[in-house]
């Protein structure tokens, strides 16, 4: 059956041709929005036992930047592939944030970027930085039957239908200081856990949204000053936040200059009691910065946390003729050198123990989400092209044996963050697939690949053509069909109850 494509009306763009390294090549912005049905399989076959939706957030700059451009300034676009009964369908949409809509109406950029002076922005911004556009371009998750796109500098959190990508506006429960990227969903309780950070006291908060989509708690987690946390983790009874010694230079910040420095301080971890958020335990550890965590769980008196320890969190600029050396270094894993690492926090003694889990440079890891907040065995990380933020391989770590298996993509092919999709009826932790979008710079095309994690070394077992070449980006999410249908049914039942209550009140 031939692929059928529906193209949506074009958005308004003023972006000009550029030689910027993150506006060209695999990072060339994609402005076309489509629905595509019955995607063509290039190689192999779509497994009948993969059933769910892969969502991927990407940065796609729409308008000519006012100043310097950083790839994380780009406008958020969600790319989705929906698997069911051995077939795949695709669609993509810009996130219609308030800032996106304002720039569409203005016909040009209204906000400066991460590398610009705040005074360059023509309107007040939103979130931790105070002058940035809330592009909702960093992360995407699914909670209570709804997808939520988030921005790492704290934004409003934009809600979409994960199946149709219908835009549902800002999440109504998001507090005034916004929500950072990397909120977490606990499938056991149905709760969404989140944090935010800002330049005013108490500088960080921790929040919980219940399974019905209502804000359950919102607790200050006081810090000594403005910080730059990026991710969080949770175990059964504890939410884990952080205060790393990599943050803005305080003297320069007084002059509204945002310069990141490594300070002579330890790393600090806040363990927030999920049953009593006012109960916060602090633990010191070796200085570093961590972008992303893998998992956390409890063993006796200890809370165990796995993530990616940066061995060089403030790297020197890379050589670059265009003057982009500092930017290139700070988003190049081969420069800041992250390795898999484990922390153990003893709740009885207050002590922290640490150990390296390997010396391979890896990041952007995923696990089987059914094993969140409990002991697990397998982690799936990415490798990157030296000098760039471009994924060029995947690593399966067996944390029980210490062994790992690496598969590399051919030169000129770049992957997306690849979540684990459990096989329908799976019983083992690694009984499932990795799903990823791939950009092929050799052919000027994009596709979706599927890797069988039981036969990881074999590489992709299936390649599926996408209707257009997409841009690279940051984070992704997998939602199982069974989980989504359960949560959507609960969403419909809640809406029906509200209607009955309103009718009774009337």
Protein backbone atom coordinates (compact mmCIF):
# COMPACT_ATOMS: atom_id res chain seq x y z
CA UNK A 1 0.00 0.00 0.00
CA UNK A 2 1.45 3.38 -1.05
CA UNK A 3 2.14 6.02 1.58
CA UNK A 4 -0.53 8.74 1.70
CA UNK A 5 0.53 12.26 2.70
CA UNK A 6 -1.61 15.19 3.87
CA UNK A 7 0.28 18.51 3.97
CA UNK A 8 -0.90 21.24 6.32
CA UNK A 9 -0.85 24.98 5.48
CA UNK A 10 2.63 26.49 5.64
CA UNK A 11 3.74 28.43 8.69
CA UNK A 12 5.22 31.92 8.38
CA UNK A 13 9.06 31.92 8.30
CA UNK A 14 11.75 34.57 7.82
CA UNK A 15 14.77 32.29 8.25
CA UNK A 16 17.54 33.00 5.74
CA UNK A 17 20.15 30.57 4.33
CA UNK A 18 23.03 30.21 6.78
CA UNK A 19 26.38 28.52 7.31
CA UNK A 20 25.71 28.16 11.04
CA UNK A 21 26.72 24.59 12.04
CA UNK A 22 23.40 24.06 13.84
CA UNK A 23 21.18 25.52 11.09
CA UNK A 24 22.61 23.26 8.40
CA UNK A 25 23.23 19.57 7.78
CA UNK A 26 21.41 17.26 10.17
CA UNK A 27 20.25 20.36 12.09
CA UNK A 28 18.59 22.03 9.08
CA UNK A 29 15.19 23.25 10.38
CA UNK A 30 12.10 21.44 9.10
CA UNK A 31 9.10 23.72 8.57
CA UNK A 32 6.67 21.36 6.83
CA UNK A 33 3.84 19.77 8.85
CA UNK A 34 2.22 16.59 7.51
CA UNK A 35 0.14 13.54 8.27
CA UNK A 36 1.48 10.40 6.55
CA UNK A 37 -0.26 7.03 6.55
CA UNK A 38 1.00 3.54 5.71
CA UNK A 39 4.69 4.38 5.74
CA UNK A 40 6.93 2.49 3.33
CA UNK A 41 9.20 -0.17 4.83
CA UNK A 42 12.66 0.13 3.25
CA UNK A 43 14.16 -2.96 4.84
CA UNK A 44 12.89 -5.79 7.03
CA UNK A 45 9.37 -5.79 8.45
CA UNK A 46 7.56 -3.94 11.24
CA UNK A 47 7.13 -6.42 14.10
CA UNK A 48 3.50 -7.29 14.84
CA UNK A 49 4.24 -7.15 18.58
CA UNK A 50 5.25 -3.48 18.76
CA UNK A 51 2.19 -1.44 19.70
CA UNK A 52 2.46 2.18 20.78
CA UNK A 53 3.67 5.66 19.91
CA UNK A 54 7.15 7.18 19.65
CA UNK A 55 7.29 10.95 20.20
CA UNK A 56 10.40 13.02 19.49
CA UNK A 57 10.98 16.72 20.25
CA UNK A 58 13.22 18.73 17.91
CA UNK A 59 14.49 22.30 17.54
CA UNK A 60 13.40 23.99 14.29
CA UNK A 61 14.19 27.71 14.16
CA UNK A 62 11.39 29.50 12.27
CA UNK A 63 12.58 33.12 12.13
CA UNK A 64 15.87 34.84 11.50
CA UNK A 65 17.64 35.07 14.90
CA UNK A 66 18.06 38.52 16.45
CA UNK A 67 21.63 37.71 17.51
CA UNK A 68 23.77 34.62 17.95
CA UNK A 69 21.97 31.31 17.54
CA UNK A 70 22.21 28.31 19.83
CA UNK A 71 20.50 25.07 18.75
CA UNK A 72 18.50 24.96 21.97
CA UNK A 73 16.84 28.28 20.95
CA UNK A 74 14.96 26.58 18.10
CA UNK A 75 11.17 26.30 17.96
CA UNK A 76 9.81 23.01 19.27
CA UNK A 77 8.41 20.48 16.82
CA UNK A 78 7.01 17.08 17.81
CA UNK A 79 7.56 14.18 15.40
CA UNK A 80 5.44 11.10 16.01
CA UNK A 81 5.32 7.57 14.63
CA UNK A 82 2.39 5.33 15.58
CA UNK A 83 2.80 1.54 15.40
CA UNK A 84 -0.15 -0.82 15.28
CA UNK A 85 -0.69 -4.27 13.72
CA UNK A 86 2.53 -4.23 11.73
CA UNK A 87 1.87 -0.78 10.19
CA UNK A 88 3.24 2.69 10.92
CA UNK A 89 1.82 6.20 10.51
CA UNK A 90 3.60 9.52 11.00
CA UNK A 91 2.74 13.13 11.78
CA UNK A 92 4.58 16.22 12.98
CA UNK A 93 3.54 19.56 14.46
CA UNK A 94 5.17 22.71 15.78
CA UNK A 95 4.36 23.31 19.44
CA UNK A 96 2.05 26.32 19.36
CA UNK A 97 3.47 27.98 22.45
CA UNK A 98 2.47 31.55 23.27
CA UNK A 99 5.90 32.66 22.05
CA UNK A 100 5.57 30.74 18.77
CA UNK A 101 2.16 32.33 18.17
CA UNK A 102 3.45 35.81 19.04
CA UNK A 103 6.30 35.51 16.55
CA UNK A 104 3.92 34.21 13.86
CA UNK A 105 1.77 37.29 14.37
CA UNK A 106 4.79 39.62 14.42
CA UNK A 107 6.37 37.97 11.39
CA UNK A 108 9.79 37.71 12.99
CA UNK A 109 11.86 36.93 16.08
CA UNK A 110 10.93 38.69 19.32
CA UNK A 111 13.41 37.00 21.67
CA UNK A 112 17.17 36.71 21.78
CA UNK A 113 18.82 33.38 22.45
CA UNK A 114 20.87 31.56 25.03
CA UNK A 115 24.10 33.28 23.91
CA UNK A 116 22.61 36.78 23.64
CA UNK A 117 22.32 39.66 26.08
CA UNK A 118 18.86 39.70 27.71
CA UNK A 119 18.38 43.27 26.46
CA UNK A 120 18.20 41.95 22.88
CA UNK A 121 14.77 40.43 23.54
CA UNK A 122 11.88 42.67 22.52
CA UNK A 123 9.42 41.17 25.02
CA UNK A 124 9.72 39.67 28.50
CA UNK A 125 10.59 36.01 28.47
CA UNK A 126 9.43 33.15 30.66
CA UNK A 127 11.23 30.89 33.10
CA UNK A 128 14.64 30.61 34.71
CA UNK A 129 16.55 32.86 32.31
CA UNK A 130 13.94 35.61 32.25
CA UNK A 131 14.45 36.75 28.65
CA UNK A 132 14.26 33.59 26.57
CA UNK A 133 11.51 32.35 24.29
CA UNK A 134 9.58 29.42 25.77
CA UNK A 135 9.93 27.14 22.76
CA UNK A 136 8.84 23.90 24.53
CA UNK A 137 11.57 22.26 22.45
CA UNK A 138 13.49 20.15 24.97
CA UNK A 139 11.45 17.21 26.24
CA UNK A 140 8.21 15.33 25.61
CA UNK A 141 6.42 12.92 27.98
CA UNK A 142 2.94 11.42 28.31
CA UNK A 143 0.97 11.71 31.55
CA UNK A 144 -2.70 10.94 32.20
CA UNK A 145 -3.30 10.36 28.49
CA UNK A 146 -1.81 13.68 27.37
CA UNK A 147 1.60 14.57 25.90
CA UNK A 148 3.44 17.50 27.52
CA UNK A 149 6.26 19.38 25.75
CA UNK A 150 8.66 21.20 28.08
CA UNK A 151 11.58 23.65 27.94
CA UNK A 152 14.79 23.12 29.91
CA UNK A 153 14.99 26.75 31.11
CA UNK A 154 11.49 26.34 32.62
CA UNK A 155 8.39 27.09 30.57
CA UNK A 156 4.65 26.68 30.71
CA UNK A 157 4.46 23.04 29.57
CA UNK A 158 2.34 22.59 26.45
CA UNK A 159 -0.25 19.83 26.20
CA UNK A 160 -1.01 17.83 23.06
CA UNK A 161 -3.00 14.72 22.19
CA UNK A 162 -0.29 12.06 21.76
CA UNK A 163 -2.21 10.34 18.93
CA UNK A 164 -3.43 13.30 16.85
CA UNK A 165 -0.96 16.00 18.09
CA UNK A 166 -3.97 18.29 18.58
CA UNK A 167 -2.80 21.34 20.55
CA UNK A 168 -4.48 21.75 23.95
CA UNK A 169 -2.59 24.80 25.29
CA UNK A 170 -0.51 25.29 28.45
CA UNK A 171 -0.89 22.76 31.25
CA UNK A 172 -3.32 24.42 33.72
CA UNK A 173 -1.44 23.24 36.81
CA UNK A 174 1.98 24.73 35.96
CA UNK A 175 3.04 27.29 38.63
CA UNK A 176 4.24 30.83 37.97
CA UNK A 177 7.92 29.78 37.83
CA UNK A 178 7.12 27.19 35.19
CA UNK A 179 8.20 23.61 34.83
CA UNK A 180 11.63 22.41 33.76
CA UNK A 181 12.22 19.71 31.19
CA UNK A 182 12.43 16.15 32.51
CA UNK A 183 9.35 15.76 34.67
CA UNK A 184 8.91 12.10 35.57
CA UNK A 185 5.85 9.83 35.49
CA UNK A 186 5.49 7.10 38.11
CA UNK A 187 3.30 4.47 36.47
CA UNK A 188 2.79 2.81 39.85
CA UNK A 189 1.00 5.82 41.35
CA UNK A 190 0.02 7.69 38.19
CA UNK A 191 1.77 10.81 39.53
CA UNK A 192 3.84 13.28 37.57
CA UNK A 193 6.85 14.62 39.49
CA UNK A 194 8.46 17.88 38.40
CA UNK A 195 10.83 20.67 39.46
CA UNK A 196 11.60 24.21 38.43
CA UNK A 197 14.35 26.74 39.11
CA UNK A 198 14.70 30.51 38.93
CA UNK A 199 16.90 33.50 39.80
CA UNK A 200 14.93 34.41 42.93
CA UNK A 201 14.66 32.69 46.31
CA UNK A 202 14.08 29.88 47.13
CA UNK A 203 15.55 29.17 43.62
CA UNK A 204 14.00 25.69 43.21
CA UNK A 205 10.66 23.95 43.81
CA UNK A 206 9.45 20.35 43.66
CA UNK A 207 5.89 19.56 42.60
CA UNK A 208 3.54 16.60 42.20
CA UNK A 209 0.58 16.31 39.84
CA UNK A 210 -1.83 13.48 40.62
CA UNK A 211 -3.25 10.90 38.21
CA UNK A 212 -6.24 13.18 37.57
CA UNK A 213 -4.01 16.01 36.35
CA UNK A 214 -4.38 18.18 39.48
CA UNK A 215 -1.51 19.87 41.33
CA UNK A 216 -1.16 17.82 44.52
CA UNK A 217 1.81 19.57 46.16
CA UNK A 218 4.34 22.30 45.42
CA UNK A 219 7.27 22.52 47.81
CA UNK A 220 10.25 24.94 48.01
CA UNK A 221 13.68 23.29 47.94
CA UNK A 222 15.88 26.23 49.07
CA UNK A 223 19.27 26.67 47.39
CA UNK A 224 22.13 29.10 48.25
CA UNK A 225 21.54 30.99 44.99
CA UNK A 226 20.57 30.58 41.33
CA UNK A 227 21.48 27.16 39.97
CA UNK A 228 21.15 25.24 36.70
CA UNK A 229 19.66 21.78 37.41
CA UNK A 230 18.59 19.86 34.32
CA UNK A 231 17.08 16.52 35.34
CA UNK A 232 15.62 14.68 38.32
CA UNK A 233 15.06 11.07 39.38
CA UNK A 234 12.83 9.21 41.81
CA UNK A 235 12.65 6.01 43.80
CA UNK A 236 9.60 4.53 45.50
CA UNK A 237 9.75 6.95 48.44
CA UNK A 238 12.15 9.71 47.38
CA UNK A 239 12.40 12.35 44.68
CA UNK A 240 16.02 13.26 43.91
CA UNK A 241 17.01 16.83 42.96
CA UNK A 242 20.46 18.38 42.72
CA UNK A 243 22.66 21.42 43.34
CA UNK A 244 25.77 21.06 41.17
CA UNK A 245 28.78 23.42 41.35
CA UNK A 246 28.35 24.40 37.67
CA UNK A 247 26.24 27.57 37.60
CA UNK A 248 26.25 31.24 36.67
CA UNK A 249 29.09 33.49 37.89
CA UNK A 250 27.37 35.39 40.71
CA UNK A 251 29.36 38.63 40.28
CA UNK A 252 28.62 38.78 36.55
CA UNK A 253 24.99 37.82 37.11
CA UNK A 254 24.53 41.04 39.09
CA UNK A 255 25.22 42.80 35.75
CA UNK A 256 22.77 40.49 33.92
CA UNK A 257 25.62 38.54 32.31
CA UNK A 258 24.94 34.80 32.24
CA UNK A 259 28.39 33.17 32.32
CA UNK A 260 28.57 29.56 33.53
CA UNK A 261 31.50 28.61 35.79
CA UNK A 262 32.70 25.55 37.72
CA UNK A 263 32.84 26.59 41.38
CA UNK A 264 34.98 25.08 44.14
CA UNK A 265 32.04 23.32 45.79
CA UNK A 266 30.82 19.74 46.17
CA UNK A 267 27.85 18.32 44.30
CA UNK A 268 24.77 18.27 46.51
CA UNK A 269 21.75 16.01 46.24
CA UNK A 270 18.35 16.72 47.79
CA UNK A 271 16.29 13.66 48.63
CA UNK A 272 12.69 14.81 49.04
CA UNK A 273 10.35 12.48 50.91
CA UNK A 274 7.48 11.73 48.53
CA UNK A 275 5.15 11.04 51.43
CA UNK A 276 6.18 14.22 53.28
CA UNK A 277 7.75 16.75 50.84
CA UNK A 278 8.84 18.97 53.73
CA UNK A 279 11.29 16.23 54.75
CA UNK A 280 14.40 16.98 52.64
CA UNK A 281 17.73 15.17 53.20
CA UNK A 282 20.93 16.64 51.69
CA UNK A 283 23.97 14.60 50.61
CA UNK A 284 27.39 15.80 49.37
CA UNK A 285 29.31 14.11 46.56
CA UNK A 286 32.24 14.68 44.22
CA UNK A 287 31.97 17.86 42.13
CA UNK A 288 30.59 17.33 38.63
CA UNK A 289 27.61 18.15 36.46
CA UNK A 290 25.01 15.63 35.30
CA UNK A 291 22.65 16.24 32.41
CA UNK A 292 20.63 13.05 32.67
CA UNK A 293 19.77 10.27 35.09
CA UNK A 294 18.88 6.68 34.25
CA UNK A 295 17.13 5.29 37.32
CA UNK A 296 16.97 5.23 41.11
CA UNK A 297 15.78 2.64 43.63
CA UNK A 298 16.07 1.67 47.29
CA UNK A 299 18.23 -1.00 48.92
CA UNK A 300 17.90 -1.20 52.70
CA UNK A 301 19.06 2.12 54.16
CA UNK A 302 20.37 3.33 50.79
CA UNK A 303 18.90 5.15 47.82
CA UNK A 304 20.83 4.19 44.68
CA UNK A 305 21.06 6.56 41.72
CA UNK A 306 22.52 5.96 38.23
CA UNK A 307 23.42 8.73 35.79
CA UNK A 308 26.15 10.22 33.61
CA UNK A 309 29.07 11.84 35.50
CA UNK A 310 30.79 14.63 33.56
CA UNK A 311 34.55 14.33 33.91
CA UNK A 312 35.12 17.76 32.31
CA UNK A 313 31.95 19.79 32.88
CA UNK A 314 33.35 23.14 31.65
CA UNK A 315 35.42 22.27 28.56
CA UNK A 316 37.65 24.67 26.64
CA UNK A 317 36.29 25.96 23.31
CA UNK A 318 36.81 23.77 20.25
CA UNK A 319 38.70 25.17 17.26
CA UNK A 320 36.12 26.60 14.86
CA UNK A 321 36.57 29.13 12.04
CA UNK A 322 33.08 30.54 12.48
CA UNK A 323 33.60 31.51 16.12
CA UNK A 324 31.28 28.82 17.46
CA UNK A 325 33.97 26.96 19.43
CA UNK A 326 32.58 27.54 22.94
CA UNK A 327 29.06 26.55 21.92
CA UNK A 328 30.34 23.46 20.08
CA UNK A 329 32.34 22.28 23.12
CA UNK A 330 29.54 22.67 25.63
CA UNK A 331 27.15 20.46 23.65
CA UNK A 332 29.75 17.89 22.59
CA UNK A 333 29.82 14.81 24.80
CA UNK A 334 33.40 14.12 23.73
CA UNK A 335 34.35 17.48 25.31
CA UNK A 336 32.53 17.25 28.65
CA UNK A 337 33.21 13.50 28.84
CA UNK A 338 30.19 11.86 30.54
CA UNK A 339 30.53 8.29 31.82
CA UNK A 340 28.04 5.99 33.50
CA UNK A 341 28.18 6.44 37.28
CA UNK A 342 26.43 5.27 40.46
CA UNK A 343 25.74 7.16 43.71
CA UNK A 344 24.57 5.54 46.96
CA UNK A 345 22.97 7.75 49.63
CA UNK A 346 22.73 6.22 53.09
CA UNK A 347 19.64 7.58 54.84
CA UNK A 348 20.84 6.31 58.22
CA UNK A 349 24.42 7.66 58.23
CA UNK A 350 24.12 10.56 55.77
CA UNK A 351 27.10 9.24 53.82
CA UNK A 352 27.48 9.09 50.02
CA UNK A 353 29.33 6.34 48.18
CA UNK A 354 30.18 6.58 44.47
CA UNK A 355 31.49 4.27 41.78
CA UNK A 356 32.18 4.50 38.07
CA UNK A 357 30.30 1.99 35.93
CA UNK A 358 32.62 2.31 32.93
CA UNK A 359 34.88 4.66 31.02
CA UNK A 360 33.06 4.76 27.66
CA UNK A 361 31.80 8.25 26.77
CA UNK A 362 28.00 7.90 26.62
CA UNK A 363 24.89 9.90 27.50
CA UNK A 364 21.15 10.29 26.71
CA UNK A 365 20.31 6.90 28.19
CA UNK A 366 17.02 5.04 28.32
CA UNK A 367 15.74 2.02 30.23
CA UNK A 368 12.64 -0.16 30.17
CA UNK A 369 10.20 2.27 31.85
CA UNK A 370 8.46 -0.62 33.59
CA UNK A 371 11.58 -0.81 35.80
CA UNK A 372 11.65 2.82 36.93
CA UNK A 373 12.22 3.19 40.68
CA UNK A 374 13.28 -0.45 41.07
CA UNK A 375 16.44 -2.49 40.50
CA UNK A 376 17.15 -2.98 36.80
CA UNK A 377 19.77 -4.63 34.62
CA UNK A 378 19.89 -2.97 31.19
CA UNK A 379 20.61 0.59 30.07
CA UNK A 380 20.68 1.92 26.50
CA UNK A 381 22.94 4.92 25.89
CA UNK A 382 24.04 6.93 22.86
CA UNK A 383 27.46 7.80 21.46
CA UNK A 384 28.09 11.04 19.56
CA UNK A 385 30.16 12.25 16.64
CA UNK A 386 33.27 14.00 18.04
CA UNK A 387 32.88 17.76 18.08
CA UNK A 388 29.12 17.66 17.53
CA UNK A 389 25.78 17.05 19.21
CA UNK A 390 24.87 14.26 16.79
CA UNK A 391 24.17 10.68 17.90
CA UNK A 392 26.07 8.12 15.83
CA UNK A 393 25.64 4.90 17.83
CA UNK A 394 23.95 3.01 20.65
CA UNK A 395 25.35 1.06 23.60
CA UNK A 396 23.52 -1.65 25.54
CA UNK A 397 24.92 -1.89 29.07
CA UNK A 398 24.43 -5.04 31.14
CA UNK A 399 24.80 -3.58 34.64
CA UNK A 400 24.78 -7.04 36.21
CA UNK A 401 27.79 -8.41 34.31
CA UNK A 402 29.47 -5.11 33.41
CA UNK A 403 29.47 -6.05 29.73
CA UNK A 404 28.36 -3.71 26.95
CA UNK A 405 27.54 -3.99 23.25
CA UNK A 406 27.98 -1.07 20.84
CA UNK A 407 26.46 -0.62 17.40
CA UNK A 408 27.56 2.30 15.22
CA UNK A 409 25.65 3.94 12.40
CA UNK A 410 27.33 4.33 9.00
CA UNK A 411 29.11 7.64 8.37
CA UNK A 412 26.67 10.45 7.66
CA UNK A 413 23.71 8.83 9.44
CA UNK A 414 22.60 10.34 12.77
CA UNK A 415 20.10 8.96 15.26
CA UNK A 416 17.61 10.34 17.75
CA UNK A 417 17.24 9.50 21.42
CA UNK A 418 15.87 5.96 21.43
CA UNK A 419 13.39 4.88 24.12
CA UNK A 420 12.72 1.23 24.93
CA UNK A 421 9.43 -0.18 23.63
CA UNK A 422 8.44 -3.40 25.45
CA UNK A 423 7.30 -6.20 23.20
CA UNK A 424 3.57 -7.00 23.58
CA UNK A 425 3.44 -9.79 26.17
CA UNK A 426 7.08 -9.26 27.20
CA UNK A 427 8.27 -11.03 30.35
CA UNK A 428 11.99 -10.17 30.37
CA UNK A 429 13.46 -6.72 30.98
CA UNK A 430 15.19 -6.54 27.58
CA UNK A 431 12.35 -8.20 25.64
CA UNK A 432 11.52 -5.30 23.36
CA UNK A 433 12.85 -2.75 20.92
CA UNK A 434 14.69 0.54 20.64
CA UNK A 435 12.92 2.99 18.31
CA UNK A 436 14.75 5.94 16.77
CA UNK A 437 14.49 8.42 13.92
CA UNK A 438 17.59 8.59 11.71
CA UNK A 439 18.73 11.50 9.54
CA UNK A 440 20.69 10.36 6.49
CA UNK A 441 22.90 13.21 5.30
CA UNK A 442 24.18 11.05 2.44
CA UNK A 443 20.73 10.72 0.89
CA UNK A 444 19.02 13.83 2.28
CA UNK A 445 16.29 11.67 3.83
CA UNK A 446 15.01 10.49 7.22
CA UNK A 447 13.67 7.17 8.43
CA UNK A 448 12.67 5.28 11.55
CA UNK A 449 14.70 2.29 12.69
CA UNK A 450 13.77 -0.54 15.06
CA UNK A 451 16.41 -2.50 17.00
CA UNK A 452 15.55 -5.81 18.67
CA UNK A 453 17.19 -5.57 22.11
CA UNK A 454 17.42 -9.37 22.39
CA UNK A 455 19.57 -9.27 19.21
CA UNK A 456 21.15 -5.89 19.84
CA UNK A 457 24.43 -6.55 18.03
CA UNK A 458 22.53 -7.28 14.81
CA UNK A 459 21.57 -3.62 14.49
CA UNK A 460 18.29 -2.41 12.97
CA UNK A 461 15.82 -5.16 12.00
CA UNK A 462 13.54 -2.68 10.24
CA UNK A 463 13.91 0.64 8.40
CA UNK A 464 10.84 2.77 7.63
CA UNK A 465 10.87 5.78 5.29
CA UNK A 466 9.64 9.14 6.62
CA UNK A 467 7.92 11.57 4.22
CA UNK A 468 10.56 14.28 4.67
CA UNK A 469 13.96 14.94 6.21
CA UNK A 470 13.63 16.01 9.86
CA UNK A 471 15.93 18.12 12.02
CA UNK A 472 17.96 16.75 14.90
CA UNK A 473 16.91 17.57 18.46
CA UNK A 474 16.94 16.43 22.06
CA UNK A 475 14.47 14.10 23.80
CA UNK A 476 11.89 11.44 23.03
CA UNK A 477 9.30 9.22 24.69
CA UNK A 478 7.58 5.89 24.12
CA UNK A 479 4.03 5.24 25.32
CA UNK A 480 2.54 1.76 25.19
CA UNK A 481 -0.88 1.49 23.53
CA UNK A 482 -2.34 -0.33 26.52
CA UNK A 483 -1.18 2.40 28.92
CA UNK A 484 -2.38 5.20 26.64
CA UNK A 485 -5.83 3.71 26.10
CA UNK A 486 -6.24 3.11 29.83
CA UNK A 487 -5.26 6.69 30.66
CA UNK A 488 -7.40 8.18 27.88
CA UNK A 489 -10.42 6.25 29.13
CA UNK A 490 -9.80 7.62 32.62
CA UNK A 491 -9.50 11.12 31.07
CA UNK A 492 -12.90 10.70 29.36
CA UNK A 493 -14.49 9.46 32.58
CA UNK A 494 -13.16 12.47 34.51
CA UNK A 495 -14.54 14.84 31.86
CA UNK A 496 -17.93 13.11 32.04
CA UNK A 497 -17.97 13.44 35.84
CA UNK A 498 -17.18 17.16 35.60
CA UNK A 499 -20.01 17.66 33.11
CA UNK A 500 -22.47 15.85 35.39
CA UNK A 501 -21.36 17.94 38.37
CA UNK A 502 -21.77 21.16 36.37
CA UNK A 503 -25.19 20.09 35.15
CA UNK A 504 -26.25 19.25 38.72
CA UNK A 505 -24.96 22.60 39.99
CA UNK A 506 -26.85 24.43 37.24
